[in-house]
PDB file of all heavy atoms in Angstrom:
ATOM      1  N   SER A   1     120.563 -86.045 128.728  1.00  0.00           N
ATOM      2  CA  SER A   1     121.209 -85.126 127.780  1.00  0.00           C
ATOM      3  C   SER A   1     120.889 -83.663 128.059  1.00  0.00           C
ATOM      4  O   SER A   1     121.558 -82.767 127.554  1.00  0.00           O
ATOM      5  CB  SER A   1     120.771 -85.468 126.349  1.00  0.00           C
ATOM      6  OG  SER A   1     119.351 -85.393 126.232  1.00  0.00           O
ATOM      7  N   SER A   2     119.859 -83.415 128.864  1.00  0.00           N
ATOM      8  CA  SER A   2     119.450 -82.026 129.105  1.00  0.00           C
ATOM      9  C   SER A   2     120.323 -81.377 130.174  1.00  0.00           C
ATOM     10  O   SER A   2     120.703 -82.006 131.158  1.00  0.00           O
ATOM     11  CB  SER A   2     117.981 -81.975 129.548  1.00  0.00           C
ATOM     12  OG  SER A   2     117.790 -82.692 130.749  1.00  0.00           O
ATOM     13  N   ASN A   3     120.641 -80.100 129.963  1.00  0.00           N
ATOM     14  CA  ASN A   3     121.443 -79.348 130.917  1.00  0.00           C
ATOM     15  C   ASN A   3     120.631 -78.985 132.150  1.00  0.00           C
ATOM     16  O   ASN A   3     119.534 -78.443 132.051  1.00  0.00           O
ATOM     17  CB  ASN A   3     121.962 -78.056 130.280  1.00  0.00           C
ATOM     18  CG  ASN A   3     123.361 -78.213 129.731  1.00  0.00           C
ATOM     19  OD1 ASN A   3     123.982 -79.249 129.904  1.00  0.00           O
ATOM     20  ND2 ASN A   3     123.855 -77.177 129.062  1.00  0.00           N
ATOM     21  N   LYS A   4     121.201 -79.281 133.336  1.00  0.00           N
ATOM     22  CA  LYS A   4     120.594 -78.827 134.591  1.00  0.00           C
ATOM     23  C   LYS A   4     121.302 -77.571 135.111  1.00  0.00           C
ATOM     24  O   LYS A   4     120.679 -76.671 135.628  1.00  0.00           O
ATOM     25  CB  LYS A   4     120.652 -79.929 135.645  1.00  0.00           C
ATOM     26  CG  LYS A   4     119.890 -81.189 135.274  1.00  0.00           C
ATOM     27  CD  LYS A   4     118.416 -80.935 135.071  1.00  0.00           C
ATOM     28  CE  LYS A   4     117.696 -80.627 136.378  1.00  0.00           C
ATOM     29  NZ  LYS A   4     116.239 -80.491 136.191  1.00  0.00           N
ATOM     30  N   ILE A   5     122.637 -77.571 134.980  1.00  0.00           N
ATOM     31  CA  ILE A   5     123.433 -76.421 135.423  1.00  0.00           C
ATOM     32  C   ILE A   5     124.465 -76.099 134.348  1.00  0.00           C
ATOM     33  O   ILE A   5     125.088 -76.999 133.789  1.00  0.00           O
ATOM     34  CB  ILE A   5     124.151 -76.710 136.765  1.00  0.00           C
ATOM     35  CG1 ILE A   5     123.143 -76.865 137.910  1.00  0.00           C
ATOM     36  CG2 ILE A   5     125.157 -75.609 137.101  1.00  0.00           C
ATOM     37  CD1 ILE A   5     123.770 -77.235 139.234  1.00  0.00           C
ATOM     38  N   ARG A   6     124.626 -74.814 134.064  1.00  0.00           N
ATOM     39  CA  ARG A   6     125.689 -74.370 133.164  1.00  0.00           C
ATOM     40  C   ARG A   6     126.407 -73.178 133.772  1.00  0.00           C
ATOM     41  O   ARG A   6     125.758 -72.228 134.233  1.00  0.00           O
ATOM     42  CB  ARG A   6     125.131 -73.992 131.786  1.00  0.00           C
ATOM     43  CG  ARG A   6     126.233 -73.676 130.758  1.00  0.00           C
ATOM     44  CD  ARG A   6     125.645 -73.487 129.370  1.00  0.00           C
ATOM     45  NE  ARG A   6     125.119 -72.134 129.192  1.00  0.00           N
ATOM     46  CZ  ARG A   6     125.835 -71.113 128.687  1.00  0.00           C
ATOM     47  NH1 ARG A   6     127.106 -71.308 128.353  1.00  0.00           N
ATOM     48  NH2 ARG A   6     125.286 -69.924 128.536  1.00  0.00           N
ATOM     49  N   LEU A   7     127.727 -73.268 133.818  1.00  0.00           N
ATOM     50  CA  LEU A   7     128.563 -72.187 134.337  1.00  0.00           C
ATOM     51  C   LEU A   7     129.545 -71.752 133.264  1.00  0.00           C
ATOM     52  O   LEU A   7     130.117 -72.593 132.554  1.00  0.00           O
ATOM     53  CB  LEU A   7     129.354 -72.662 135.563  1.00  0.00           C
ATOM     54  CG  LEU A   7     128.578 -73.228 136.751  1.00  0.00           C
ATOM     55  CD1 LEU A   7     129.536 -73.772 137.799  1.00  0.00           C
ATOM     56  CD2 LEU A   7     127.658 -72.173 137.359  1.00  0.00           C
ATOM     57  N   LYS A   8     129.740 -70.447 133.145  1.00  0.00           N
ATOM     58  CA  LYS A   8     130.764 -69.918 132.240  1.00  0.00           C
ATOM     59  C   LYS A   8     131.336 -68.642 132.849  1.00  0.00           C
ATOM     60  O   LYS A   8     130.582 -67.741 133.239  1.00  0.00           O
ATOM     61  CB  LYS A   8     130.182 -69.635 130.851  1.00  0.00           C
ATOM     62  CG  LYS A   8     131.245 -69.218 129.828  1.00  0.00           C
ATOM     63  CD  LYS A   8     130.677 -69.161 128.433  1.00  0.00           C
ATOM     64  CE  LYS A   8     131.732 -68.690 127.422  1.00  0.00           C
ATOM     65  NZ  LYS A   8     132.934 -69.554 127.423  1.00  0.00           N
ATOM     66  N   ASP A   9     132.660 -68.613 132.946  1.00  0.00           N
ATOM     67  CA  ASP A   9     133.350 -67.470 133.570  1.00  0.00           C
ATOM     68  C   ASP A   9     132.683 -67.119 134.899  1.00  0.00           C
ATOM     69  O   ASP A   9     132.419 -65.945 135.203  1.00  0.00           O
ATOM     70  CB  ASP A   9     133.328 -66.257 132.632  1.00  0.00           C
ATOM     71  CG  ASP A   9     134.059 -66.550 131.321  1.00  0.00           C
ATOM     72  OD1 ASP A   9     135.043 -67.304 131.362  1.00  0.00           O
ATOM     73  OD2 ASP A   9     133.610 -66.039 130.275  1.00  0.00           O
ATOM     74  N   PHE A  10     132.442 -68.151 135.694  1.00  0.00           N
ATOM     75  CA  PHE A  10     131.700 -68.017 136.955  1.00  0.00           C
ATOM     76  C   PHE A  10     132.685 -67.830 138.102  1.00  0.00           C
ATOM     77  O   PHE A  10     133.692 -68.543 138.207  1.00  0.00           O
ATOM     78  CB  PHE A  10     130.868 -69.278 137.174  1.00  0.00           C
ATOM     79  CG  PHE A  10     130.085 -69.303 138.460  1.00  0.00           C
ATOM     80  CD1 PHE A  10     128.890 -68.619 138.579  1.00  0.00           C
ATOM     81  CD2 PHE A  10     130.538 -70.041 139.551  1.00  0.00           C
ATOM     82  CE1 PHE A  10     128.155 -68.660 139.755  1.00  0.00           C
ATOM     83  CE2 PHE A  10     129.817 -70.089 140.726  1.00  0.00           C
ATOM     84  CZ  PHE A  10     128.623 -69.397 140.832  1.00  0.00           C
ATOM     85  N   THR A  11     132.393 -66.862 138.974  1.00  0.00           N
ATOM     86  CA  THR A  11     133.244 -66.569 140.128  1.00  0.00           C
ATOM     87  C   THR A  11     132.397 -66.395 141.382  1.00  0.00           C
ATOM     88  O   THR A  11     131.371 -65.719 141.350  1.00  0.00           O
ATOM     89  CB  THR A  11     134.074 -65.286 139.903  1.00  0.00           C
ATOM     90  OG1 THR A  11     134.851 -65.434 138.711  1.00  0.00           O
ATOM     91  CG2 THR A  11     135.003 -65.025 141.077  1.00  0.00           C
ATOM     92  N   GLY A  12     132.843 -67.027 142.474  1.00  0.00           N
ATOM     93  CA  GLY A  12     132.214 -66.838 143.776  1.00  0.00           C
ATOM     94  C   GLY A  12     133.147 -66.071 144.693  1.00  0.00           C
ATOM     95  O   GLY A  12     134.360 -66.326 144.715  1.00  0.00           O
ATOM     96  N   PHE A  13     132.597 -65.115 145.439  1.00  0.00           N
ATOM     97  CA  PHE A  13     133.407 -64.221 146.276  1.00  0.00           C
ATOM     98  C   PHE A  13     133.102 -64.419 147.758  1.00  0.00           C
ATOM     99  O   PHE A  13     131.974 -64.749 148.141  1.00  0.00           O
ATOM    100  CB  PHE A  13     133.111 -62.754 145.931  1.00  0.00           C
ATOM    101  CG  PHE A  13     133.481 -62.345 144.538  1.00  0.00           C
ATOM    102  CD1 PHE A  13     132.657 -62.632 143.459  1.00  0.00           C
ATOM    103  CD2 PHE A  13     134.665 -61.658 144.308  1.00  0.00           C
ATOM    104  CE1 PHE A  13     132.996 -62.233 142.178  1.00  0.00           C
ATOM    105  CE2 PHE A  13     135.014 -61.250 143.025  1.00  0.00           C
ATOM    106  CZ  PHE A  13     134.174 -61.550 141.951  1.00  0.00           C
ATOM    107  N   ARG A  14     134.105 -64.193 148.565  1.00  0.00           N
ATOM    108  CA  ARG A  14     133.909 -63.985 150.009  1.00  0.00           C
ATOM    109  C   ARG A  14     134.372 -62.568 150.282  1.00  0.00           C
ATOM    110  O   ARG A  14     135.563 -62.271 150.164  1.00  0.00           O
ATOM    111  CB  ARG A  14     134.680 -65.001 150.843  1.00  0.00           C
ATOM    112  CG  ARG A  14     134.062 -66.407 150.817  1.00  0.00           C
ATOM    113  CD  ARG A  14     134.763 -67.350 151.770  1.00  0.00           C
ATOM    114  NE  ARG A  14     134.225 -68.695 151.728  1.00  0.00           N
ATOM    115  CZ  ARG A  14     133.230 -69.143 152.486  1.00  0.00           C
ATOM    116  NH1 ARG A  14     132.650 -68.320 153.356  1.00  0.00           N
ATOM    117  NH2 ARG A  14     132.806 -70.384 152.393  1.00  0.00           N
ATOM    118  N   GLY A  15     133.420 -61.706 150.598  1.00  0.00           N
ATOM    119  CA  GLY A  15     133.730 -60.281 150.636  1.00  0.00           C
ATOM    120  C   GLY A  15     134.025 -59.812 149.229  1.00  0.00           C
ATOM    121  O   GLY A  15     133.272 -60.082 148.292  1.00  0.00           O
ATOM    122  N   ASN A  16     135.147 -59.152 149.049  1.00  0.00           N
ATOM    123  CA  ASN A  16     135.549 -58.698 147.714  1.00  0.00           C
ATOM    124  C   ASN A  16     136.604 -59.603 147.081  1.00  0.00           C
ATOM    125  O   ASN A  16     137.120 -59.306 146.006  1.00  0.00           O
ATOM    126  CB  ASN A  16     136.088 -57.263 147.789  1.00  0.00           C
ATOM    127  CG  ASN A  16     135.004 -56.262 148.166  1.00  0.00           C
ATOM    128  OD1 ASN A  16     133.878 -56.362 147.693  1.00  0.00           O
ATOM    129  ND2 ASN A  16     135.355 -55.311 149.035  1.00  0.00           N
ATOM    130  N   THR A  17     136.912 -60.711 147.768  1.00  0.00           N
ATOM    131  CA  THR A  17     137.973 -61.589 147.296  1.00  0.00           C
ATOM    132  C   THR A  17     137.400 -62.770 146.517  1.00  0.00           C
ATOM    133  O   THR A  17     136.550 -63.506 147.040  1.00  0.00           O
ATOM    134  CB  THR A  17     138.792 -62.125 148.485  1.00  0.00           C
ATOM    135  OG1 THR A  17     139.271 -61.024 149.260  1.00  0.00           O
ATOM    136  CG2 THR A  17     139.965 -62.957 147.997  1.00  0.00           C
ATOM    137  N   PRO A  18     137.813 -62.972 145.263  1.00  0.00           N
ATOM    138  CA  PRO A  18     137.360 -64.146 144.522  1.00  0.00           C
ATOM    139  C   PRO A  18     137.940 -65.415 145.144  1.00  0.00           C
ATOM    140  O   PRO A  18     139.144 -65.515 145.366  1.00  0.00           O
ATOM    141  CB  PRO A  18     137.897 -63.911 143.108  1.00  0.00           C
ATOM    142  CG  PRO A  18     139.028 -62.960 143.259  1.00  0.00           C
ATOM    143  CD  PRO A  18     138.718 -62.117 144.454  1.00  0.00           C
ATOM    144  N   LYS A  19     137.071 -66.384 145.437  1.00  0.00           N
ATOM    145  CA  LYS A  19     137.505 -67.603 146.114  1.00  0.00           C
ATOM    146  C   LYS A  19     137.321 -68.861 145.282  1.00  0.00           C
ATOM    147  O   LYS A  19     137.956 -69.876 145.539  1.00  0.00           O
ATOM    148  CB  LYS A  19     136.738 -67.755 147.436  1.00  0.00           C
ATOM    149  CG  LYS A  19     137.140 -66.764 148.506  1.00  0.00           C
ATOM    150  CD  LYS A  19     138.575 -67.005 148.962  1.00  0.00           C
ATOM    151  CE  LYS A  19     138.953 -66.120 150.142  1.00  0.00           C
ATOM    152  NZ  LYS A  19     140.335 -66.376 150.607  1.00  0.00           N
ATOM    153  N   ILE A  20     136.415 -68.829 144.297  1.00  0.00           N
ATOM    154  CA  ILE A  20     136.177 -70.004 143.467  1.00  0.00           C
ATOM    155  C   ILE A  20     135.851 -69.556 142.050  1.00  0.00           C
ATOM    156  O   ILE A  20     135.107 -68.586 141.858  1.00  0.00           O
ATOM    157  CB  ILE A  20     135.036 -70.890 144.038  1.00  0.00           C
ATOM    158  CG1 ILE A  20     134.993 -72.245 143.325  1.00  0.00           C
ATOM    159  CG2 ILE A  20     133.694 -70.195 143.964  1.00  0.00           C
ATOM    160  CD1 ILE A  20     136.130 -73.164 143.685  1.00  0.00           C
ATOM    161  N   GLN A  21     136.442 -70.218 141.063  1.00  0.00           N
ATOM    162  CA  GLN A  21     136.230 -69.851 139.668  1.00  0.00           C
ATOM    163  C   GLN A  21     136.023 -71.103 138.820  1.00  0.00           C
ATOM    164  O   GLN A  21     136.720 -72.106 139.000  1.00  0.00           O
ATOM    165  CB  GLN A  21     137.431 -69.063 139.133  1.00  0.00           C
ATOM    166  CG  GLN A  21     137.621 -67.707 139.809  1.00  0.00           C
ATOM    167  CD  GLN A  21     138.852 -66.980 139.318  1.00  0.00           C
ATOM    168  OE1 GLN A  21     139.950 -67.521 139.348  1.00  0.00           O
ATOM    169  NE2 GLN A  21     138.667 -65.748 138.837  1.00  0.00           N
ATOM    170  N   ALA A  22     135.030 -71.038 137.922  1.00  0.00           N
ATOM    171  CA  ALA A  22     134.770 -72.119 136.968  1.00  0.00           C
ATOM    172  C   ALA A  22     134.703 -71.498 135.578  1.00  0.00           C
ATOM    173  O   ALA A  22     133.792 -70.717 135.289  1.00  0.00           O
ATOM    174  CB  ALA A  22     133.476 -72.842 137.307  1.00  0.00           C
ATOM    175  N   GLU A  23     135.658 -71.815 134.747  1.00  0.00           N
ATOM    176  CA  GLU A  23     135.695 -71.230 133.410  1.00  0.00           C
ATOM    177  C   GLU A  23     134.531 -71.727 132.568  1.00  0.00           C
ATOM    178  O   GLU A  23     133.862 -70.954 131.872  1.00  0.00           O
ATOM    179  CB  GLU A  23     137.011 -71.570 132.726  1.00  0.00           C
ATOM    180  CG  GLU A  23     137.153 -70.979 131.331  1.00  0.00           C
ATOM    181  CD  GLU A  23     138.461 -71.365 130.685  1.00  0.00           C
ATOM    182  OE1 GLU A  23     139.351 -71.884 131.388  1.00  0.00           O
ATOM    183  OE2 GLU A  23     138.602 -71.143 129.461  1.00  0.00           O
ATOM    184  N   CYS A  24     134.289 -73.037 132.609  1.00  0.00           N
ATOM    185  CA  CYS A  24     133.197 -73.618 131.817  1.00  0.00           C
ATOM    186  C   CYS A  24     132.836 -74.963 132.414  1.00  0.00           C
ATOM    187  O   CYS A  24     133.706 -75.819 132.574  1.00  0.00           O
ATOM    188  CB  CYS A  24     133.621 -73.777 130.363  1.00  0.00           C
ATOM    189  SG  CYS A  24     132.309 -74.412 129.302  1.00  0.00           S
ATOM    190  N   ALA A  25     131.571 -75.157 132.771  1.00  0.00           N
ATOM    191  CA  ALA A  25     131.145 -76.431 133.353  1.00  0.00           C
ATOM    192  C   ALA A  25     129.670 -76.652 133.059  1.00  0.00           C
ATOM    193  O   ALA A  25     128.868 -75.714 133.090  1.00  0.00           O
ATOM    194  CB  ALA A  25     131.380 -76.423 134.862  1.00  0.00           C
ATOM    195  N   GLU A  26     129.324 -77.909 132.788  1.00  0.00           N
ATOM    196  CA  GLU A  26     127.942 -78.280 132.540  1.00  0.00           C
ATOM    197  C   GLU A  26     127.598 -79.523 133.350  1.00  0.00           C
ATOM    198  O   GLU A  26     128.422 -80.423 133.525  1.00  0.00           O
ATOM    199  CB  GLU A  26     127.700 -78.559 131.054  1.00  0.00           C
ATOM    200  CG  GLU A  26     127.805 -77.327 130.174  1.00  0.00           C
ATOM    201  CD  GLU A  26     127.521 -77.646 128.713  1.00  0.00           C
ATOM    202  OE1 GLU A  26     127.410 -78.857 128.394  1.00  0.00           O
ATOM    203  OE2 GLU A  26     127.408 -76.711 127.909  1.00  0.00           O
ATOM    204  N   VAL A  27     126.378 -79.567 133.846  1.00  0.00           N
ATOM    205  CA  VAL A  27     125.867 -80.712 134.600  1.00  0.00           C
ATOM    206  C   VAL A  27     124.575 -81.163 133.936  1.00  0.00           C
ATOM    207  O   VAL A  27     123.670 -80.346 133.714  1.00  0.00           O
ATOM    208  CB  VAL A  27     125.603 -80.348 136.077  1.00  0.00           C
ATOM    209  CG1 VAL A  27     125.143 -81.571 136.851  1.00  0.00           C
ATOM    210  CG2 VAL A  27     126.851 -79.741 136.720  1.00  0.00           C
ATOM    211  N   LYS A  28     124.505 -82.458 133.619  1.00  0.00           N
ATOM    212  CA  LYS A  28     123.333 -83.001 132.957  1.00  0.00           C
ATOM    213  C   LYS A  28     122.345 -83.598 133.957  1.00  0.00           C
ATOM    214  O   LYS A  28     122.685 -83.905 135.090  1.00  0.00           O
ATOM    215  CB  LYS A  28     123.750 -84.093 131.959  1.00  0.00           C
ATOM    216  CG  LYS A  28     124.728 -83.641 130.890  1.00  0.00           C
ATOM    217  CD  LYS A  28     124.117 -82.600 129.964  1.00  0.00           C
ATOM    218  CE  LYS A  28     125.057 -82.245 128.830  1.00  0.00           C
ATOM    219  NZ  LYS A  28     124.508 -81.208 127.946  1.00  0.00           N
TER     220      LYS A  28
END
């Protein structure tokens, strides 16, 4: 039940270009 990873409005970039986006995600 415990959170290991939490993402919110998360963006990963290559250079200045956004390449991956996660609005909301949780990993237990």
